[in-house]
């Protein structure tokens, strides 16, 4: 079945206008009373009838904001990944001795053989 680029894996259709980048300014007092959390969604209604304001191109750019909220989770994930790779390679880790959990190679007498012809 042919899938169009704009169709997501869930079958939802995404229109180009739904992915329009915008710059949003929030009231600091409102943010203090109702802080934003990661993963929140929103619904916005935009009235574009008044075209009398400044264009975005004439507005000075502000430096992008950054967060370190995911740094620790990334480090922990990297440690788990390194541990799994070391264990699978037979090197072990600081918490697991070398060879722990490693699978010994099969002997030639027990190696897989082709199925007999019937």
PDB file of N, CA and C in Angstrom:
ATOM      1  N   UNK A   1       0.844  -1.180   0.000  1.00  0.00           N
ATOM      2  CA  UNK A   1       0.000   0.000   0.000  1.00  0.00           C
ATOM      3  C   UNK A   1       0.889   1.242   0.000  1.00  0.00           C
ATOM      4  N   UNK A   2       0.587   2.203  -0.820  1.00  0.00           N
ATOM      5  CA  UNK A   2       1.355   3.436  -0.915  1.00  0.00           C
ATOM      6  C   UNK A   2       0.954   4.384   0.209  1.00  0.00           C
ATOM      7  N   UNK A   3       1.951   4.916   0.899  1.00  0.00           N
ATOM      8  CA  UNK A   3       1.685   5.899   1.957  1.00  0.00           C
ATOM      9  C   UNK A   3       2.263   7.236   1.530  1.00  0.00           C
ATOM     10  N   UNK A   4       1.521   8.256   1.703  1.00  0.00           N
ATOM     11  CA  UNK A   4       2.014   9.592   1.394  1.00  0.00           C
ATOM     12  C   UNK A   4       2.933  10.071   2.509  1.00  0.00           C
ATOM     13  N   UNK A   5       3.834  10.995   2.178  1.00  0.00           N
ATOM     14  CA  UNK A   5       4.778  11.529   3.153  1.00  0.00           C
ATOM     15  C   UNK A   5       4.080  12.170   4.344  1.00  0.00           C
ATOM     16  N   UNK A   6       2.930  12.762   4.120  1.00  0.00           N
ATOM     17  CA  UNK A   6       2.264  13.494   5.194  1.00  0.00           C
ATOM     18  C   UNK A   6       1.460  12.592   6.118  1.00  0.00           C
ATOM     19  N   UNK A   7       1.451  11.287   5.852  1.00  0.00           N
ATOM     20  CA  UNK A   7       0.694  10.379   6.715  1.00  0.00           C
ATOM     21  C   UNK A   7       1.619   9.836   7.796  1.00  0.00           C
ATOM     22  N   UNK A   8       1.199   9.921   9.030  1.00  0.00           N
ATOM     23  CA  UNK A   8       2.008   9.393  10.121  1.00  0.00           C
ATOM     24  C   UNK A   8       1.775   7.905  10.253  1.00  0.00           C
ATOM     25  N   UNK A   9       2.552   7.254  11.111  1.00  0.00           N
ATOM     26  CA  UNK A   9       2.424   5.812  11.303  1.00  0.00           C
ATOM     27  C   UNK A   9       1.075   5.432  11.903  1.00  0.00           C
ATOM     28  N   UNK A  10       0.417   6.360  12.562  1.00  0.00           N
ATOM     29  CA  UNK A  10      -0.881   6.050  13.150  1.00  0.00           C
ATOM     30  C   UNK A  10      -2.008   6.268  12.154  1.00  0.00           C
ATOM     31  N   UNK A  11      -1.678   6.728  10.968  1.00  0.00           N
ATOM     32  CA  UNK A  11      -2.700   6.955   9.960  1.00  0.00           C
ATOM     33  C   UNK A  11      -3.277   8.355  10.004  1.00  0.00           C
ATOM     34  N   UNK A  12      -2.803   9.191  10.914  1.00  0.00           N
ATOM     35  CA  UNK A  12      -3.292  10.567  10.981  1.00  0.00           C
ATOM     36  C   UNK A  12      -2.683  11.366   9.839  1.00  0.00           C
ATOM     37  N   UNK A  13      -3.450  12.277   9.294  1.00  0.00           N
ATOM     38  CA  UNK A  13      -2.956  13.112   8.216  1.00  0.00           C
ATOM     39  C   UNK A  13      -2.494  14.437   8.784  1.00  0.00           C
ATOM     40  N   UNK A  14      -1.320  14.873   8.380  1.00  0.00           N
ATOM     41  CA  UNK A  14      -0.764  16.132   8.865  1.00  0.00           C
ATOM     42  C   UNK A  14      -0.751  17.114   7.709  1.00  0.00           C
ATOM     43  N   UNK A  15      -1.384  18.228   7.907  1.00  0.00           N
ATOM     44  CA  UNK A  15      -1.382  19.265   6.884  1.00  0.00           C
ATOM     45  C   UNK A  15      -0.161  20.150   7.103  1.00  0.00           C
ATOM     46  N   UNK A  16       0.337  20.728   6.041  1.00  0.00           N
ATOM     47  CA  UNK A  16       1.517  21.574   6.132  1.00  0.00           C
ATOM     48  C   UNK A  16       1.289  22.714   7.112  1.00  0.00           C
ATOM     49  N   UNK A  17       0.100  23.288   7.128  1.00  0.00           N
ATOM     50  CA  UNK A  17      -0.160  24.421   8.015  1.00  0.00           C
ATOM     51  C   UNK A  17      -0.114  24.022   9.483  1.00  0.00           C
ATOM     52  N   UNK A  18      -0.245  22.742   9.797  1.00  0.00           N
ATOM     53  CA  UNK A  18      -0.177  22.309  11.186  1.00  0.00           C
ATOM     54  C   UNK A  18       1.252  22.344  11.714  1.00  0.00           C
ATOM     55  N   UNK A  19       2.227  22.472  10.843  1.00  0.00           N
ATOM     56  CA  UNK A  19       3.627  22.483  11.257  1.00  0.00           C
ATOM     57  C   UNK A  19       4.285  23.834  10.988  1.00  0.00           C
ATOM     58  N   UNK A  20       3.536  24.879  11.100  1.00  0.00           N
ATOM     59  CA  UNK A  20       4.039  26.215  10.865  1.00  0.00           C
ATOM     60  C   UNK A  20       4.847  26.681  12.072  1.00  0.00           C
ATOM     61  N   UNK A  21       6.121  27.023  11.900  1.00  0.00           N
ATOM     62  CA  UNK A  21       6.902  27.475  13.057  1.00  0.00           C
ATOM     63  C   UNK A  21       6.447  28.861  13.503  1.00  0.00           C
ATOM     64  N   UNK A  22       6.309  29.038  14.788  1.00  0.00           N
ATOM     65  CA  UNK A  22       5.899  30.323  15.351  1.00  0.00           C
ATOM     66  C   UNK A  22       6.756  30.642  16.565  1.00  0.00           C
ATOM     67  N   UNK A  23       6.811  31.896  16.913  1.00  0.00           N
ATOM     68  CA  UNK A  23       7.479  32.334  18.131  1.00  0.00           C
ATOM     69  C   UNK A  23       6.377  32.744  19.099  1.00  0.00           C
ATOM     70  N   UNK A  24       6.390  32.163  20.288  1.00  0.00           N
ATOM     71  CA  UNK A  24       5.336  32.398  21.268  1.00  0.00           C
ATOM     72  C   UNK A  24       5.921  33.139  22.459  1.00  0.00           C
ATOM     73  N   UNK A  25       5.226  34.169  22.912  1.00  0.00           N
ATOM     74  CA  UNK A  25       5.624  34.917  24.100  1.00  0.00           C
ATOM     75  C   UNK A  25       4.601  34.639  25.192  1.00  0.00           C
ATOM     76  N   UNK A  26       5.081  34.226  26.356  1.00  0.00           N
ATOM     77  CA  UNK A  26       4.186  33.892  27.461  1.00  0.00           C
ATOM     78  C   UNK A  26       4.344  34.902  28.588  1.00  0.00           C
ATOM     79  N   UNK A  27       3.256  35.196  29.270  1.00  0.00           N
ATOM     80  CA  UNK A  27       3.240  36.124  30.389  1.00  0.00           C
ATOM     81  C   UNK A  27       3.997  35.509  31.570  1.00  0.00           C
ATOM     82  N   UNK A  28       5.066  36.168  32.072  1.00  0.00           N
ATOM     83  CA  UNK A  28       5.856  35.611  33.179  1.00  0.00           C
ATOM     84  C   UNK A  28       5.020  35.297  34.424  1.00  0.00           C
ATOM     85  N   UNK A  29       4.039  36.155  34.756  1.00  0.00           N
ATOM     86  CA  UNK A  29       3.198  35.892  35.924  1.00  0.00           C
ATOM     87  C   UNK A  29       2.360  34.634  35.704  1.00  0.00           C
ATOM     88  N   UNK A  30       1.848  34.475  34.479  1.00  0.00           N
ATOM     89  CA  UNK A  30       1.060  33.283  34.151  1.00  0.00           C
ATOM     90  C   UNK A  30       1.921  32.024  34.249  1.00  0.00           C
ATOM     91  N   UNK A  31       3.177  32.128  33.792  1.00  0.00           N
ATOM     92  CA  UNK A  31       4.091  30.985  33.890  1.00  0.00           C
ATOM     93  C   UNK A  31       4.404  30.633  35.339  1.00  0.00           C
ATOM     94  N   UNK A  32       4.531  31.660  36.184  1.00  0.00           N
ATOM     95  CA  UNK A  32       4.812  31.409  37.599  1.00  0.00           C
ATOM     96  C   UNK A  32       3.624  30.699  38.251  1.00  0.00           C
ATOM     97  N   UNK A  33       2.422  31.131  37.912  1.00  0.00           N
ATOM     98  CA  UNK A  33       1.218  30.518  38.485  1.00  0.00           C
ATOM     99  C   UNK A  33       0.945  29.133  37.900  1.00  0.00           C
ATOM    100  N   UNK A  34       1.275  28.944  36.622  1.00  0.00           N
ATOM    101  CA  UNK A  34       0.995  27.684  35.921  1.00  0.00           C
ATOM    102  C   UNK A  34       2.226  27.286  35.107  1.00  0.00           C
ATOM    103  N   UNK A  35       3.258  26.716  35.746  1.00  0.00           N
ATOM    104  CA  UNK A  35       4.493  26.386  35.013  1.00  0.00           C
ATOM    105  C   UNK A  35       4.260  25.319  33.940  1.00  0.00           C
ATOM    106  N   UNK A  36       5.012  25.463  32.863  1.00  0.00           N
ATOM    107  CA  UNK A  36       4.926  24.489  31.776  1.00  0.00           C
ATOM    108  C   UNK A  36       5.712  23.242  32.161  1.00  0.00           C
ATOM    109  N   UNK A  37       5.219  22.092  31.717  1.00  0.00           N
ATOM    110  CA  UNK A  37       5.913  20.827  31.953  1.00  0.00           C
ATOM    111  C   UNK A  37       6.240  20.199  30.605  1.00  0.00           C
ATOM    112  N   UNK A  38       7.288  19.388  30.591  1.00  0.00           N
ATOM    113  CA  UNK A  38       7.689  18.695  29.376  1.00  0.00           C
ATOM    114  C   UNK A  38       6.550  17.794  28.918  1.00  0.00           C
ATOM    115  N   UNK A  39       6.240  17.826  27.644  1.00  0.00           N
ATOM    116  CA  UNK A  39       5.232  16.947  27.076  1.00  0.00           C
ATOM    117  C   UNK A  39       3.833  17.526  27.002  1.00  0.00           C
ATOM    118  N   UNK A  40       3.645  18.739  27.481  1.00  0.00           N
ATOM    119  CA  UNK A  40       2.315  19.338  27.407  1.00  0.00           C
ATOM    120  C   UNK A  40       1.950  19.648  25.960  1.00  0.00           C
ATOM    121  N   UNK A  41       0.698  19.554  25.660  1.00  0.00           N
ATOM    122  CA  UNK A  41       0.189  19.917  24.336  1.00  0.00           C
ATOM    123  C   UNK A  41      -0.682  21.156  24.477  1.00  0.00           C
ATOM    124  N   UNK A  42      -0.977  21.770  23.358  1.00  0.00           N
ATOM    125  CA  UNK A  42      -1.827  22.948  23.399  1.00  0.00           C
ATOM    126  C   UNK A  42      -2.632  23.046  22.118  1.00  0.00           C
ATOM    127  N   UNK A  43      -3.651  23.817  22.196  1.00  0.00           N
ATOM    128  CA  UNK A  43      -4.433  24.146  21.013  1.00  0.00           C
ATOM    129  C   UNK A  43      -4.391  25.658  20.889  1.00  0.00           C
ATOM    130  N   UNK A  44      -4.041  26.151  19.717  1.00  0.00           N
ATOM    131  CA  UNK A  44      -3.922  27.594  19.521  1.00  0.00           C
ATOM    132  C   UNK A  44      -4.868  28.045  18.421  1.00  0.00           C
ATOM    133  N   UNK A  45      -5.408  29.214  18.610  1.00  0.00           N
ATOM    134  CA  UNK A  45      -6.213  29.854  17.568  1.00  0.00           C
ATOM    135  C   UNK A  45      -5.497  31.155  17.219  1.00  0.00           C
ATOM    136  N   UNK A  46      -5.283  31.381  15.947  1.00  0.00           N
ATOM    137  CA  UNK A  46      -4.521  32.538  15.492  1.00  0.00           C
ATOM    138  C   UNK A  46      -5.400  33.389  14.590  1.00  0.00           C
ATOM    139  N   UNK A  47      -5.525  34.662  14.941  1.00  0.00           N
ATOM    140  CA  UNK A  47      -6.286  35.611  14.133  1.00  0.00           C
ATOM    141  C   UNK A  47      -5.284  36.386  13.278  1.00  0.00           C
ATOM    142  N   UNK A  48      -5.332  36.210  11.976  1.00  0.00           N
ATOM    143  CA  UNK A  48      -4.365  36.857  11.087  1.00  0.00           C
ATOM    144  C   UNK A  48      -4.977  38.007  10.289  1.00  0.00           C
ATOM    145  N   UNK A  49      -6.132  38.493  10.732  1.00  0.00           N
ATOM    146  CA  UNK A  49      -6.795  39.566   9.992  1.00  0.00           C
ATOM    147  C   UNK A  49      -6.044  40.895  10.087  1.00  0.00           C
ATOM    148  N   UNK A  50      -5.437  41.199  11.237  1.00  0.00           N
ATOM    149  CA  UNK A  50      -4.706  42.455  11.402  1.00  0.00           C
ATOM    150  C   UNK A  50      -3.263  42.244  10.948  1.00  0.00           C
ATOM    151  N   UNK A  51      -2.879  42.844   9.841  1.00  0.00           N
ATOM    152  CA  UNK A  51      -1.527  42.702   9.303  1.00  0.00           C
ATOM    153  C   UNK A  51      -0.699  43.959   9.539  1.00  0.00           C
ATOM    154  N   UNK A  52      -1.070  44.777  10.526  1.00  0.00           N
ATOM    155  CA  UNK A  52      -0.414  46.055  10.742  1.00  0.00           C
ATOM    156  C   UNK A  52       0.843  46.006  11.590  1.00  0.00           C
ATOM    157  N   UNK A  53       1.175  44.895  12.203  1.00  0.00           N
ATOM    158  CA  UNK A  53       2.343  44.823  13.082  1.00  0.00           C
ATOM    159  C   UNK A  53       3.642  44.634  12.324  1.00  0.00           C
ATOM    160  N   UNK A  54       4.729  44.534  13.085  1.00  0.00           N
ATOM    161  CA  UNK A  54       6.043  44.309  12.490  1.00  0.00           C
ATOM    162  C   UNK A  54       6.120  42.892  11.932  1.00  0.00           C
ATOM    163  N   UNK A  55       6.927  42.753  10.888  1.00  0.00           N
ATOM    164  CA  UNK A  55       7.147  41.405  10.362  1.00  0.00           C
ATOM    165  C   UNK A  55       8.169  40.701  11.245  1.00  0.00           C
ATOM    166  N   UNK A  56       8.149  39.401  11.226  1.00  0.00           N
ATOM    167  CA  UNK A  56       9.074  38.625  12.043  1.00  0.00           C
ATOM    168  C   UNK A  56      10.517  38.915  11.659  1.00  0.00           C
ATOM    169  N   UNK A  57      10.764  39.166  10.382  1.00  0.00           N
ATOM    170  CA  UNK A  57      12.121  39.436   9.917  1.00  0.00           C
ATOM    171  C   UNK A  57      12.691  40.704  10.543  1.00  0.00           C
ATOM    172  N   UNK A  58      11.854  41.665  10.909  1.00  0.00           N
ATOM    173  CA  UNK A  58      12.353  42.910  11.495  1.00  0.00           C
ATOM    174  C   UNK A  58      12.483  42.823  13.013  1.00  0.00           C
ATOM    175  N   UNK A  59      12.039  41.727  13.608  1.00  0.00           N
ATOM    176  CA  UNK A  59      12.146  41.534  15.054  1.00  0.00           C
ATOM    177  C   UNK A  59      13.518  40.966  15.372  1.00  0.00           C
ATOM    178  N   UNK A  60      14.244  41.562  16.331  1.00  0.00           N
ATOM    179  CA  UNK A  60      15.575  41.043  16.652  1.00  0.00           C
ATOM    180  C   UNK A  60      15.482  39.619  17.210  1.00  0.00           C
ATOM    181  N   UNK A  61      16.394  38.784  16.753  1.00  0.00           N
ATOM    182  CA  UNK A  61      16.421  37.396  17.219  1.00  0.00           C
ATOM    183  C   UNK A  61      16.983  37.344  18.637  1.00  0.00           C
ATOM    184  N   UNK A  62      16.429  36.478  19.429  1.00  0.00           N
ATOM    185  CA  UNK A  62      16.937  36.266  20.785  1.00  0.00           C
ATOM    186  C   UNK A  62      17.692  34.943  20.797  1.00  0.00           C
ATOM    187  N   UNK A  63      18.660  34.808  21.700  1.00  0.00           N
ATOM    188  CA  UNK A  63      19.404  33.547  21.731  1.00  0.00           C
ATOM    189  C   UNK A  63      18.476  32.392  22.110  1.00  0.00           C
ATOM    190  N   UNK A  64      18.701  31.215  21.535  1.00  0.00           N
ATOM    191  CA  UNK A  64      17.837  30.076  21.866  1.00  0.00           C
ATOM    192  C   UNK A  64      18.008  29.663  23.320  1.00  0.00           C
ATOM    193  N   UNK A  65      16.939  29.184  23.907  1.00  0.00           N
ATOM    194  CA  UNK A  65      16.988  28.709  25.281  1.00  0.00           C
ATOM    195  C   UNK A  65      17.477  27.272  25.290  1.00  0.00           C
ATOM    196  N   UNK A  66      18.142  26.893  26.372  1.00  0.00           N
ATOM    197  CA  UNK A  66      18.650  25.535  26.494  1.00  0.00           C
ATOM    198  C   UNK A  66      18.271  24.979  27.851  1.00  0.00           C
ATOM    199  N   UNK A  67      18.218  23.663  27.939  1.00  0.00           N
ATOM    200  CA  UNK A  67      17.920  23.003  29.200  1.00  0.00           C
ATOM    201  C   UNK A  67      18.871  21.833  29.392  1.00  0.00           C
ATOM    202  N   UNK A  68      19.144  21.511  30.631  1.00  0.00           N
ATOM    203  CA  UNK A  68      19.988  20.356  30.945  1.00  0.00           C
ATOM    204  C   UNK A  68      19.152  19.240  31.560  1.00  0.00           C
ATOM    205  N   UNK A  69      17.835  19.328  31.414  1.00  0.00           N
ATOM    206  CA  UNK A  69      16.932  18.387  32.069  1.00  0.00           C
ATOM    207  C   UNK A  69      17.174  16.948  31.614  1.00  0.00           C
ATOM    208  N   UNK A  70      17.636  16.749  30.388  1.00  0.00           N
ATOM    209  CA  UNK A  70      17.844  15.389  29.889  1.00  0.00           C
ATOM    210  C   UNK A  70      19.290  14.914  30.019  1.00  0.00           C
ATOM    211  N   UNK A  71      20.200  15.746  30.486  1.00  0.00           N
ATOM    212  CA  UNK A  71      21.608  15.367  30.553  1.00  0.00           C
ATOM    213  C   UNK A  71      21.838  14.127  31.408  1.00  0.00           C
ATOM    214  N   UNK A  72      21.280  14.095  32.600  1.00  0.00           N
ATOM    215  CA  UNK A  72      21.488  12.964  33.498  1.00  0.00           C
ATOM    216  C   UNK A  72      20.910  11.687  32.898  1.00  0.00           C
ATOM    217  N   UNK A  73      19.724  11.751  32.338  1.00  0.00           N
ATOM    218  CA  UNK A  73      19.108  10.562  31.739  1.00  0.00           C
ATOM    219  C   UNK A  73      19.967  10.048  30.597  1.00  0.00           C
ATOM    220  N   UNK A  74      20.540  10.925  29.830  1.00  0.00           N
ATOM    221  CA  UNK A  74      21.400  10.509  28.731  1.00  0.00           C
ATOM    222  C   UNK A  74      22.659   9.830  29.222  1.00  0.00           C
ATOM    223  N   UNK A  75      23.250  10.337  30.303  1.00  0.00           N
ATOM    224  CA  UNK A  75      24.455   9.728  30.862  1.00  0.00           C
ATOM    225  C   UNK A  75      24.154   8.341  31.406  1.00  0.00           C
ATOM    226  N   UNK A  76      23.033   8.200  32.091  1.00  0.00           N
ATOM    227  CA  UNK A  76      22.660   6.891  32.631  1.00  0.00           C
ATOM    228  C   UNK A  76      22.422   5.901  31.497  1.00  0.00           C
ATOM    229  N   UNK A  77      21.768   6.337  30.443  1.00  0.00           N
ATOM    230  CA  UNK A  77      21.522   5.458  29.297  1.00  0.00           C
ATOM    231  C   UNK A  77      22.840   5.057  28.645  1.00  0.00           C
ATOM    232  N   UNK A  78      23.773   5.998  28.506  1.00  0.00           N
ATOM    233  CA  UNK A  78      25.076   5.683  27.924  1.00  0.00           C
ATOM    234  C   UNK A  78      25.815   4.642  28.758  1.00  0.00           C
ATOM    235  N   UNK A  79      25.723   4.736  30.094  1.00  0.00           N
ATOM    236  CA  UNK A  79      26.372   3.760  30.973  1.00  0.00           C
ATOM    237  C   UNK A  79      25.754   2.374  30.802  1.00  0.00           C
ATOM    238  N   UNK A  80      24.439   2.303  30.709  1.00  0.00           N
ATOM    239  CA  UNK A  80      23.763   1.012  30.521  1.00  0.00           C
ATOM    240  C   UNK A  80      24.160   0.407  29.181  1.00  0.00           C
ATOM    241  N   UNK A  81      24.189   1.226  28.139  1.00  0.00           N
ATOM    242  CA  UNK A  81      24.565   0.740  26.808  1.00  0.00           C
ATOM    243  C   UNK A  81      25.995   0.217  26.817  1.00  0.00           C
ATOM    244  N   UNK A  82      26.925   0.973  27.416  1.00  0.00           N
ATOM    245  CA  UNK A  82      28.324   0.544  27.486  1.00  0.00           C
ATOM    246  C   UNK A  82      28.452  -0.766  28.253  1.00  0.00           C
ATOM    247  N   UNK A  83      27.684  -0.921  29.327  1.00  0.00           N
ATOM    248  CA  UNK A  83      27.708  -2.150  30.120  1.00  0.00           C
ATOM    249  C   UNK A  83      27.216  -3.341  29.301  1.00  0.00           C
ATOM    250  N   UNK A  84      26.144  -3.166  28.562  1.00  0.00           N
ATOM    251  CA  UNK A  84      25.599  -4.250  27.735  1.00  0.00           C
ATOM    252  C   UNK A  84      26.603  -4.651  26.658  1.00  0.00           C
ATOM    253  N   UNK A  85      27.206  -3.664  26.008  1.00  0.00           N
ATOM    254  CA  UNK A  85      28.184  -3.954  24.960  1.00  0.00           C
ATOM    255  C   UNK A  85      29.384  -4.682  25.547  1.00  0.00           C
ATOM    256  N   UNK A  86      29.886  -4.209  26.703  1.00  0.00           N
ATOM    257  CA  UNK A  86      31.038  -4.854  27.334  1.00  0.00           C
ATOM    258  C   UNK A  86      30.717  -6.285  27.733  1.00  0.00           C
ATOM    259  N   UNK A  87      29.542  -6.513  28.287  1.00  0.00           N
ATOM    260  CA  UNK A  87      29.146  -7.865  28.690  1.00  0.00           C
ATOM    261  C   UNK A  87      29.037  -8.774  27.474  1.00  0.00           C
ATOM    262  N   UNK A  88      28.416  -8.295  26.415  1.00  0.00           N
ATOM    263  CA  UNK A  88      28.262  -9.105  25.206  1.00  0.00           C
ATOM    264  C   UNK A  88      29.593  -9.365  24.511  1.00  0.00           C
ATOM    265  N   UNK A  89      30.564  -8.478  24.703  1.00  0.00           N
ATOM    266  CA  UNK A  89      31.884  -8.661  24.102  1.00  0.00           C
ATOM    267  C   UNK A  89      32.784  -9.509  24.994  1.00  0.00           C
ATOM    268  N   UNK A  90      32.293  -9.900  26.186  1.00  0.00           N
ATOM    269  CA  UNK A  90      33.067 -10.739  27.088  1.00  0.00           C
ATOM    270  C   UNK A  90      34.056  -9.974  27.941  1.00  0.00           C
ATOM    271  N   UNK A  91      33.983  -8.669  27.965  1.00  0.00           N
ATOM    272  CA  UNK A  91      34.904  -7.860  28.760  1.00  0.00           C
ATOM    273  C   UNK A  91      34.384  -7.621  30.163  1.00  0.00           C
ATOM    274  N   UNK A  92      33.110  -7.806  30.385  1.00  0.00           N
ATOM    275  CA  UNK A  92      32.545  -7.515  31.694  1.00  0.00           C
ATOM    276  C   UNK A  92      32.502  -6.027  31.956  1.00  0.00           C
ATOM    277  N   UNK A  93      32.051  -5.658  33.135  1.00  0.00           N
ATOM    278  CA  UNK A  93      32.006  -4.262  33.548  1.00  0.00           C
ATOM    279  C   UNK A  93      32.535  -4.182  34.960  1.00  0.00           C
ATOM    280  N   UNK A  94      32.525  -3.008  35.529  1.00  0.00           N
ATOM    281  CA  UNK A  94      32.979  -2.849  36.907  1.00  0.00           C
ATOM    282  C   UNK A  94      32.114  -3.665  37.853  1.00  0.00           C
ATOM    283  N   UNK A  95      30.838  -3.827  37.534  1.00  0.00           N
ATOM    284  CA  UNK A  95      29.939  -4.564  38.417  1.00  0.00           C
ATOM    285  C   UNK A  95      29.764  -6.012  37.989  1.00  0.00           C
ATOM    286  N   UNK A  96      30.255  -6.385  36.805  1.00  0.00           N
ATOM    287  CA  UNK A  96      30.120  -7.760  36.338  1.00  0.00           C
ATOM    288  C   UNK A  96      31.474  -8.254  35.854  1.00  0.00           C
ATOM    289  N   UNK A  97      31.946  -9.403  36.357  1.00  0.00           N
ATOM    290  CA  UNK A  97      33.254  -9.905  35.940  1.00  0.00           C
ATOM    291  C   UNK A  97      33.262 -10.271  34.459  1.00  0.00           C
ATOM    292  N   UNK A  98      34.460 -10.278  33.887  1.00  0.00           N
ATOM    293  CA  UNK A  98      34.585 -10.632  32.477  1.00  0.00           C
ATOM    294  C   UNK A  98      34.030 -12.023  32.252  1.00  0.00           C
ATOM    295  N   UNK A  99      33.264 -12.170  31.219  1.00  0.00           N
ATOM    296  CA  UNK A  99      32.700 -13.466  30.881  1.00  0.00           C
ATOM    297  C   UNK A  99      31.368 -13.746  31.539  1.00  0.00           C
ATOM    298  N   UNK A 100      30.968 -12.946  32.516  1.00  0.00           N
ATOM    299  CA  UNK A 100      29.691 -13.181  33.185  1.00  0.00           C
ATOM    300  C   UNK A 100      28.569 -12.931  32.198  1.00  0.00           C
ATOM    301  N   UNK A 101      27.734 -13.920  32.046  1.00  0.00           N
ATOM    302  CA  UNK A 101      26.615 -13.779  31.130  1.00  0.00           C
ATOM    303  C   UNK A 101      26.980 -14.016  29.680  1.00  0.00           C
ATOM    304  N   UNK A 102      28.277 -14.264  29.415  1.00  0.00           N
ATOM    305  CA  UNK A 102      28.681 -14.508  28.037  1.00  0.00           C
ATOM    306  C   UNK A 102      28.333 -15.939  27.662  1.00  0.00           C
ATOM    307  N   UNK A 103      28.054 -16.169  26.422  1.00  0.00           N
ATOM    308  CA  UNK A 103      27.703 -17.495  25.931  1.00  0.00           C
ATOM    309  C   UNK A 103      28.953 -18.124  25.336  1.00  0.00           C
ATOM    310  N   UNK A 104      29.265 -19.341  25.767  1.00  0.00           N
ATOM    311  CA  UNK A 104      30.439 -20.041  25.254  1.00  0.00           C
ATOM    312  C   UNK A 104      30.183 -20.474  23.820  1.00  0.00           C
ATOM    313  N   UNK A 105      31.226 -20.482  22.984  1.00  0.00           N
ATOM    314  CA  UNK A 105      31.033 -20.928  21.606  1.00  0.00           C
ATOM    315  C   UNK A 105      30.693 -22.411  21.569  1.00  0.00           C
ATOM    316  N   UNK A 106      29.904 -22.806  20.608  1.00  0.00           N
ATOM    317  CA  UNK A 106      29.502 -24.205  20.474  1.00  0.00           C
ATOM    318  C   UNK A 106      30.677 -25.034  19.994  1.00  0.00           C
ATOM    319  N   UNK A 107      30.800 -26.253  20.515  1.00  0.00           N
ATOM    320  CA  UNK A 107      31.859 -27.149  20.049  1.00  0.00           C
ATOM    321  C   UNK A 107      31.484 -27.646  18.658  1.00  0.00           C
ATOM    322  N   UNK A 108      32.483 -28.136  17.927  1.00  0.00           N
ATOM    323  CA  UNK A 108      32.205 -28.571  16.557  1.00  0.00           C
ATOM    324  C   UNK A 108      31.259 -29.760  16.526  1.00  0.00           C
ATOM    325  N   UNK A 109      31.271 -30.598  17.597  1.00  0.00           N
ATOM    326  CA  UNK A 109      30.367 -31.746  17.604  1.00  0.00           C
ATOM    327  C   UNK A 109      28.923 -31.321  17.836  1.00  0.00           C
ATOM    328  N   UNK A 110      28.737 -30.144  18.440  1.00  0.00           N
ATOM    329  CA  UNK A 110      27.384 -29.666  18.714  1.00  0.00           C
ATOM    330  C   UNK A 110      26.973 -28.550  17.770  1.00  0.00           C
ATOM    331  N   UNK A 111      27.820 -28.241  16.810  1.00  0.00           N
ATOM    332  CA  UNK A 111      27.510 -27.151  15.889  1.00  0.00           C
ATOM    333  C   UNK A 111      26.297 -27.517  15.040  1.00  0.00           C
ATOM    334  N   UNK A 112      25.621 -26.525  14.554  1.00  0.00           N
ATOM    335  CA  UNK A 112      24.437 -26.751  13.723  1.00  0.00           C
ATOM    336  C   UNK A 112      24.820 -27.521  12.473  1.00  0.00           C
ATOM    337  N   UNK A 113      24.018 -28.494  12.129  1.00  0.00           N
ATOM    338  CA  UNK A 113      24.246 -29.340  10.957  1.00  0.00           C
ATOM    339  C   UNK A 113      23.064 -29.179  10.011  1.00  0.00           C
ATOM    340  N   UNK A 114      23.278 -29.367   8.713  1.00  0.00           N
ATOM    341  CA  UNK A 114      22.142 -29.271   7.795  1.00  0.00           C
ATOM    342  C   UNK A 114      21.132 -30.373   8.078  1.00  0.00           C
ATOM    343  N   UNK A 115      19.884 -30.077   7.836  1.00  0.00           N
ATOM    344  CA  UNK A 115      18.814 -31.057   8.055  1.00  0.00           C
ATOM    345  C   UNK A 115      18.938 -32.179   7.034  1.00  0.00           C
ATOM    346  N   UNK A 116      18.629 -33.418   7.447  1.00  0.00           N
ATOM    347  CA  UNK A 116      18.712 -34.532   6.494  1.00  0.00           C
ATOM    348  C   UNK A 116      17.663 -34.375   5.390  1.00  0.00           C
ATOM    349  N   UNK A 117      18.027 -34.835   4.198  1.00  0.00           N
ATOM    350  CA  UNK A 117      17.092 -34.759   3.065  1.00  0.00           C
ATOM    351  C   UNK A 117      16.072 -35.868   3.196  1.00  0.00           C
ATOM    352  N   UNK A 118      14.824 -35.571   2.929  1.00  0.00           N
ATOM    353  CA  UNK A 118      13.741 -36.546   3.049  1.00  0.00           C
ATOM    354  C   UNK A 118      13.245 -36.949   1.697  1.00  0.00           C
TER     355      UNK A 118
END
